[in-house]
Amino acid sequence: MSSLVKSMTGFGRGEMNDGLRNFTVEIRSVNHRYNDTLVKMPKHISYLEENVKKKIRNVISRGRVETYINLEYVGEGDIEVNVDLPLARSYKSAIDLLCDEIGLKRDISVELFARFPDILKTKKKEEDEDEIWLCLSKAVDMALTNLISMRVEEGLELSKNIKAKLLNIRDIVNQIENRAPLVVIEYKEKLWNRIKELLDEKYEIDESKLANEVAFYADKCSIDEEIVRLYSHINQFIDTLDSGDDSIGRKLDFLVQEMNREVNTIGSKVGDILVTNYVVELKSEMEKIREQIQNIE
């Protein structure tokens, strides 16, 4: 099986005929936090349920998986008919005696004997459990192959879509990075103009104190660390999608949470309308990604 990004949604069907029995297996899967496997199959072969579940869990680690197994006998069937000859002879003796005693004509047919209770008995044939499992396992393998193929196909589309959103997020982060130094410069200009307005040019501005105030503001609203971590998370996200590892959904979910944390910090640190708008865009894109990765195994 491929180790590409897999969606948790898929369907697969498999059928196998060994000349005596025909197995049809249908497997459906949907997203789920854990591995939830359900198997519905004929009761008389329910002893094979754990074998089926084990085979499924070997290739599927996350998702709710529902498996439906149908069995039809196409050979002589699984029922054999036996004749109770001693009982049949007893019936005939009784009928002969009755005819002799009351003068009845002997008009005995096979059909008549077949109607008597317990002369013809049916019972289930003994079946080879290994042969049954061999046939069933092939049908399950076929269904799983088709299921995984669909999950990989959908996973590929999810991966492409998520990467496109990540590139957009990187562009927005870059715009925030470029905007951040201008926020401090604008703050300094506003502060200078406000002080001049208040002092009404009667007093000289203490430029050292003004510089200290601007430095304090710049330190307070510095988002250098958050920007670096955001770039790092974006790169990790793309690397994880390209890694070929199985079960990456939980790791991606963690990365989205960390990205949201950094974006929220940026929003709380920088009181700038443009940066605030960028933060809203980032959160919107990350929410879309968060919803999409809920369906990645």
Protein backbone atom coordinates (compact mmCIF):
# COMPACT_ATOMS: atom_id res chain seq x y z
CA MET A 1 0.00 0.00 0.00
CA SER A 2 1.15 3.56 -0.76
CA SER A 3 2.36 5.86 2.01
CA LEU A 4 0.96 9.02 0.43
CA VAL A 5 -1.37 11.43 2.23
CA LYS A 6 -4.65 9.59 2.71
CA SER A 7 -8.14 10.90 3.23
CA MET A 8 -10.21 9.01 5.79
CA THR A 9 -13.15 8.89 3.37
CA GLY A 10 -13.38 6.09 0.85
CA PHE A 11 -15.14 3.01 -0.51
CA GLY A 12 -13.84 -0.30 -1.77
CA ARG A 13 -15.45 -3.48 -3.09
CA GLY A 14 -13.99 -6.94 -3.54
CA GLU A 15 -15.39 -10.25 -4.79
CA MET A 16 -13.89 -13.75 -4.76
CA ASN A 17 -15.29 -17.08 -5.98
CA ASP A 18 -13.55 -20.38 -5.23
CA GLY A 19 -16.05 -22.59 -7.05
CA LEU A 20 -18.00 -23.46 -3.91
CA ARG A 21 -18.67 -20.04 -2.39
CA ASN A 22 -18.78 -16.45 -3.55
CA PHE A 23 -17.74 -13.69 -1.14
CA THR A 24 -18.65 -10.06 -1.73
CA VAL A 25 -16.98 -7.51 0.57
CA GLU A 26 -17.79 -3.79 0.73
CA ILE A 27 -15.75 -1.45 2.94
CA ARG A 28 -16.70 2.16 3.67
CA SER A 29 -14.66 4.60 5.75
CA VAL A 30 -15.29 8.10 7.13
CA ASN A 31 -13.30 10.43 9.36
CA HIS A 32 -12.96 9.60 13.05
CA ARG A 33 -10.45 10.57 15.75
CA TYR A 34 -9.52 6.96 16.39
CA ASN A 35 -9.67 3.56 14.69
CA ASP A 36 -13.27 2.35 14.90
CA THR A 37 -13.81 -0.88 12.96
CA LEU A 38 -17.22 -2.51 12.45
CA VAL A 39 -17.76 -5.82 10.62
CA LYS A 40 -21.14 -7.28 9.61
CA MET A 41 -21.04 -10.84 8.29
CA PRO A 42 -23.07 -14.11 8.27
CA LYS A 43 -23.35 -15.58 11.77
CA HIS A 44 -22.07 -19.04 10.90
CA ILE A 45 -18.66 -17.60 9.90
CA SER A 46 -18.50 -14.94 12.64
CA TYR A 47 -15.44 -16.73 14.06
CA LEU A 48 -13.49 -15.02 11.25
CA GLU A 49 -14.49 -11.49 12.35
CA GLU A 50 -11.26 -10.81 14.25
CA ASN A 51 -9.20 -11.99 11.27
CA VAL A 52 -11.00 -9.44 9.09
CA LYS A 53 -10.54 -6.64 11.66
CA LYS A 54 -6.84 -7.42 12.01
CA LYS A 55 -6.37 -7.28 8.24
CA ILE A 56 -8.13 -3.89 8.10
CA ARG A 57 -6.16 -2.42 11.01
CA ASN A 58 -2.90 -3.45 9.37
CA VAL A 59 -3.49 -0.86 6.64
CA ILE A 60 -5.85 1.68 8.25
CA SER A 61 -4.85 3.48 11.44
CA ARG A 62 -7.56 6.16 11.71
CA GLY A 63 -11.20 6.46 10.69
CA ARG A 64 -14.50 4.69 11.19
CA VAL A 65 -14.46 1.64 8.92
CA GLU A 66 -17.64 -0.32 8.19
CA THR A 67 -17.28 -3.68 6.47
CA TYR A 68 -20.18 -5.67 4.99
CA ILE A 69 -19.58 -9.29 4.00
CA ASN A 70 -22.03 -11.35 1.93
CA LEU A 71 -21.63 -15.09 1.26
CA GLU A 72 -23.40 -17.11 -1.44
CA TYR A 73 -22.87 -20.81 -2.09
CA VAL A 74 -22.50 -21.53 -5.80
CA GLY A 75 -21.47 -25.20 -5.77
CA GLU A 76 -23.52 -28.04 -4.31
CA GLY A 77 -24.34 -25.80 -1.41
CA ASP A 78 -23.69 -26.12 2.27
CA ILE A 79 -26.70 -28.37 3.02
CA GLU A 80 -26.69 -32.18 2.66
CA VAL A 81 -29.75 -34.47 2.81
CA ASN A 82 -29.60 -37.86 4.59
CA VAL A 83 -32.12 -40.74 4.52
CA ASP A 84 -33.11 -42.54 7.73
CA LEU A 85 -33.47 -46.02 6.22
CA PRO A 86 -34.42 -47.88 9.44
CA LEU A 87 -37.21 -45.36 10.01
CA ALA A 88 -38.38 -45.71 6.41
CA ARG A 89 -38.54 -49.54 6.79
CA SER A 90 -40.57 -49.16 9.97
CA TYR A 91 -43.03 -46.86 8.16
CA LYS A 92 -43.35 -49.43 5.30
CA SER A 93 -43.92 -52.32 7.70
CA ALA A 94 -46.61 -50.33 9.47
CA ILE A 95 -48.31 -49.45 6.16
CA ASP A 96 -48.15 -53.12 4.98
CA LEU A 97 -49.72 -54.26 8.25
CA LEU A 98 -52.47 -51.65 7.95
CA CYS A 99 -53.25 -52.71 4.37
CA ASP A 100 -53.41 -56.41 5.31
CA GLU A 101 -55.58 -55.88 8.37
CA ILE A 102 -58.24 -53.67 6.78
CA GLY A 103 -57.90 -54.77 3.17
CA LEU A 104 -56.43 -51.65 1.65
CA LYS A 105 -54.76 -51.55 -1.74
CA ARG A 106 -51.01 -51.03 -1.53
CA ASP A 107 -50.46 -47.71 -3.34
CA ILE A 108 -47.19 -46.53 -1.83
CA SER A 109 -45.04 -43.94 -3.62
CA VAL A 110 -41.73 -42.23 -2.90
CA GLU A 111 -43.60 -38.94 -2.56
CA LEU A 112 -45.65 -40.44 0.25
CA PHE A 113 -42.54 -41.51 2.15
CA ALA A 114 -40.96 -38.11 1.66
CA ARG A 115 -43.86 -36.56 3.56
CA PHE A 116 -43.31 -38.69 6.64
CA PRO A 117 -41.46 -36.84 9.45
CA ASP A 118 -37.72 -37.38 9.82
CA ILE A 119 -37.20 -39.82 6.93
CA LEU A 120 -35.36 -37.14 4.99
CA LYS A 121 -33.07 -35.08 7.23
CA THR A 122 -31.03 -32.01 6.33
CA LYS A 123 -27.89 -30.84 8.04
CA LYS A 124 -25.09 -28.38 7.39
CA LYS A 125 -22.02 -29.79 5.69
CA GLU A 126 -18.74 -29.62 7.52
CA GLU A 127 -16.65 -26.91 5.89
CA ASP A 128 -12.90 -26.39 5.78
CA GLU A 129 -12.28 -23.21 7.78
CA ASP A 130 -8.94 -22.58 6.10
CA GLU A 131 -10.56 -22.70 2.66
CA ILE A 132 -13.27 -20.28 3.76
CA TRP A 133 -10.72 -17.81 5.15
CA LEU A 134 -8.53 -18.11 2.04
CA CYS A 135 -11.46 -17.11 -0.17
CA LEU A 136 -12.71 -14.38 2.19
CA SER A 137 -9.27 -12.88 2.78
CA LYS A 138 -8.76 -12.43 -0.96
CA ALA A 139 -12.07 -10.58 -1.23
CA VAL A 140 -11.12 -8.39 1.76
CA ASP A 141 -7.69 -7.63 0.24
CA MET A 142 -9.33 -6.59 -3.01
CA ALA A 143 -11.80 -4.31 -1.21
CA LEU A 144 -9.00 -2.77 0.88
CA THR A 145 -6.87 -2.12 -2.20
CA ASN A 146 -9.76 -0.25 -3.85
CA LEU A 147 -10.54 1.61 -0.62
CA ILE A 148 -6.94 2.74 -0.09
CA SER A 149 -6.71 3.79 -3.73
CA MET A 150 -9.70 6.10 -3.27
CA ARG A 151 -8.35 7.43 0.04
CA VAL A 152 -4.98 8.21 -1.57
CA GLU A 153 -6.66 9.94 -4.52
CA GLU A 154 -8.74 12.14 -2.21
CA GLY A 155 -5.70 12.70 0.03
CA LEU A 156 -3.72 13.98 -2.96
CA GLU A 157 -6.41 16.57 -3.71
CA LEU A 158 -6.51 17.60 -0.04
CA SER A 159 -2.73 17.96 0.01
CA LYS A 160 -2.70 20.18 -3.09
CA ASN A 161 -5.43 22.39 -1.69
CA ILE A 162 -3.77 22.73 1.72
CA LYS A 163 -0.39 23.58 0.15
CA ALA A 164 -2.01 26.35 -1.89
CA LYS A 165 -3.47 27.80 1.31
CA LEU A 166 -0.10 27.51 3.08
CA LEU A 167 1.61 29.48 0.31
CA ASN A 168 -1.05 32.17 0.69
CA ILE A 169 -0.45 32.18 4.45
CA ARG A 170 3.30 32.55 3.86
CA ASP A 171 2.65 35.57 1.61
CA ILE A 172 0.47 37.19 4.27
CA VAL A 173 3.09 36.55 6.97
CA ASN A 174 5.66 38.16 4.68
CA GLN A 175 3.44 41.24 4.36
CA ILE A 176 3.13 41.42 8.16
CA GLU A 177 6.92 41.10 8.46
CA ASN A 178 7.40 44.01 6.05
CA ARG A 179 4.73 46.08 7.77
CA ALA A 180 6.03 45.63 11.34
CA PRO A 181 9.00 48.11 11.16
CA LEU A 182 6.73 50.77 9.63
CA VAL A 183 4.38 50.47 12.61
CA VAL A 184 7.19 51.67 14.93
CA ILE A 185 8.15 54.51 12.56
CA GLU A 186 4.54 55.66 12.33
CA TYR A 187 4.19 55.45 16.09
CA LYS A 188 7.27 57.66 16.52
CA GLU A 189 5.90 60.24 14.07
CA LYS A 190 2.49 60.29 15.74
CA LEU A 191 4.06 60.59 19.17
CA TRP A 192 6.36 63.45 18.00
CA ASN A 193 3.47 65.34 16.43
CA ARG A 194 1.27 64.84 19.47
CA ILE A 195 3.95 66.13 21.86
CA LYS A 196 4.62 69.15 19.65
CA GLU A 197 0.93 69.87 19.60
CA LEU A 198 0.70 69.66 23.39
CA LEU A 199 3.81 71.75 24.01
CA ASP A 200 2.70 74.30 21.43
CA GLU A 201 6.38 74.96 20.56
CA LYS A 202 6.89 76.68 23.95
CA TYR A 203 9.21 73.98 25.19
CA GLU A 204 11.87 71.85 23.58
CA ILE A 205 11.20 68.15 23.16
CA ASP A 206 13.49 65.88 25.14
CA GLU A 207 14.55 63.63 22.29
CA SER A 208 16.26 61.10 24.60
CA LYS A 209 12.99 60.50 26.45
CA LEU A 210 11.17 60.29 23.16
CA ALA A 211 13.70 57.73 21.93
CA ASN A 212 13.25 55.70 25.13
CA GLU A 213 9.47 55.71 24.69
CA VAL A 214 9.77 54.61 21.08
CA ALA A 215 12.26 51.88 22.04
CA PHE A 216 9.88 50.63 24.74
CA TYR A 217 7.01 50.53 22.24
CA ALA A 218 9.15 48.77 19.64
CA ASP A 219 10.14 46.10 22.17
CA LYS A 220 6.56 45.70 23.36
CA CYS A 221 5.17 45.16 19.87
CA SER A 222 8.08 43.16 18.48
CA ILE A 223 6.83 40.10 16.61
CA ASP A 224 10.16 38.84 15.26
CA GLU A 225 9.97 35.56 17.21
CA GLU A 226 6.37 34.92 16.18
CA ILE A 227 7.22 35.54 12.52
CA VAL A 228 10.19 33.14 12.67
CA ARG A 229 8.08 30.45 14.32
CA LEU A 230 5.27 30.90 11.78
CA TYR A 231 7.68 30.40 8.88
CA SER A 232 9.04 27.33 10.65
CA HIS A 233 5.56 25.85 11.20
CA ILE A 234 4.62 26.46 7.55
CA ASN A 235 7.78 24.64 6.38
CA GLN A 236 7.12 21.77 8.82
CA PHE A 237 3.55 21.52 7.55
CA ILE A 238 4.66 21.23 3.91
CA ASP A 239 7.47 18.78 4.81
CA THR A 240 4.97 16.61 6.71
CA LEU A 241 2.60 16.53 3.74
CA ASP A 242 5.51 15.47 1.50
CA SER A 243 7.06 13.05 4.00
CA GLY A 244 5.15 9.94 2.92
CA ASP A 245 4.61 9.02 6.58
CA ASP A 246 1.41 7.27 7.62
CA SER A 247 -1.02 8.84 10.09
CA ILE A 248 0.06 12.47 9.79
CA GLY A 249 -3.36 13.92 10.65
CA ARG A 250 -2.64 14.40 14.36
CA LYS A 251 0.71 16.09 13.68
CA LEU A 252 -0.90 18.47 11.20
CA ASP A 253 -3.63 19.27 13.70
CA PHE A 254 -0.94 20.16 16.27
CA LEU A 255 0.87 22.42 13.79
CA VAL A 256 -2.34 24.32 12.99
CA GLN A 257 -2.90 24.91 16.71
CA GLU A 258 0.65 26.26 17.07
CA MET A 259 0.22 28.53 14.04
CA ASN A 260 -3.01 29.88 15.50
CA ARG A 261 -1.21 30.59 18.76
CA GLU A 262 1.46 32.68 16.98
CA VAL A 263 -1.12 34.58 14.94
CA ASN A 264 -3.17 35.40 18.04
CA THR A 265 -0.01 36.73 19.72
CA ILE A 266 0.75 38.93 16.72
CA GLY A 267 -2.80 40.28 16.80
CA SER A 268 -2.56 41.13 20.50
CA LYS A 269 0.89 42.75 20.23
CA VAL A 270 0.46 44.99 17.19
CA GLY A 271 -2.30 47.57 17.35
CA ASP A 272 -2.21 48.37 13.65
CA ILE A 273 -5.25 48.24 11.40
CA LEU A 274 -3.37 46.70 8.45
CA VAL A 275 -1.76 44.02 10.63
CA THR A 276 -5.16 43.34 12.20
CA ASN A 277 -6.64 42.78 8.74
CA TYR A 278 -3.78 40.42 7.87
CA VAL A 279 -4.40 38.51 11.10
CA VAL A 280 -8.09 38.08 10.17
CA GLU A 281 -7.05 36.70 6.76
CA LEU A 282 -4.58 34.29 8.38
CA LYS A 283 -7.14 32.96 10.83
CA SER A 284 -9.66 32.46 8.04
CA GLU A 285 -7.17 30.44 5.95
CA MET A 286 -6.03 28.37 8.93
CA GLU A 287 -9.61 27.53 9.88
CA LYS A 288 -10.15 26.16 6.36
CA ILE A 289 -6.98 24.08 6.71
CA ARG A 290 -8.06 22.86 10.15
CA GLU A 291 -11.35 21.60 8.71
CA GLN A 292 -9.58 19.84 5.84
CA ILE A 293 -7.03 18.01 7.97
CA GLN A 294 -9.84 16.52 10.06
CA ASN A 295 -10.26 14.15 7.12
CA ILE A 296 -6.57 13.19 6.81
CA GLU A 297 -5.51 9.86 8.30
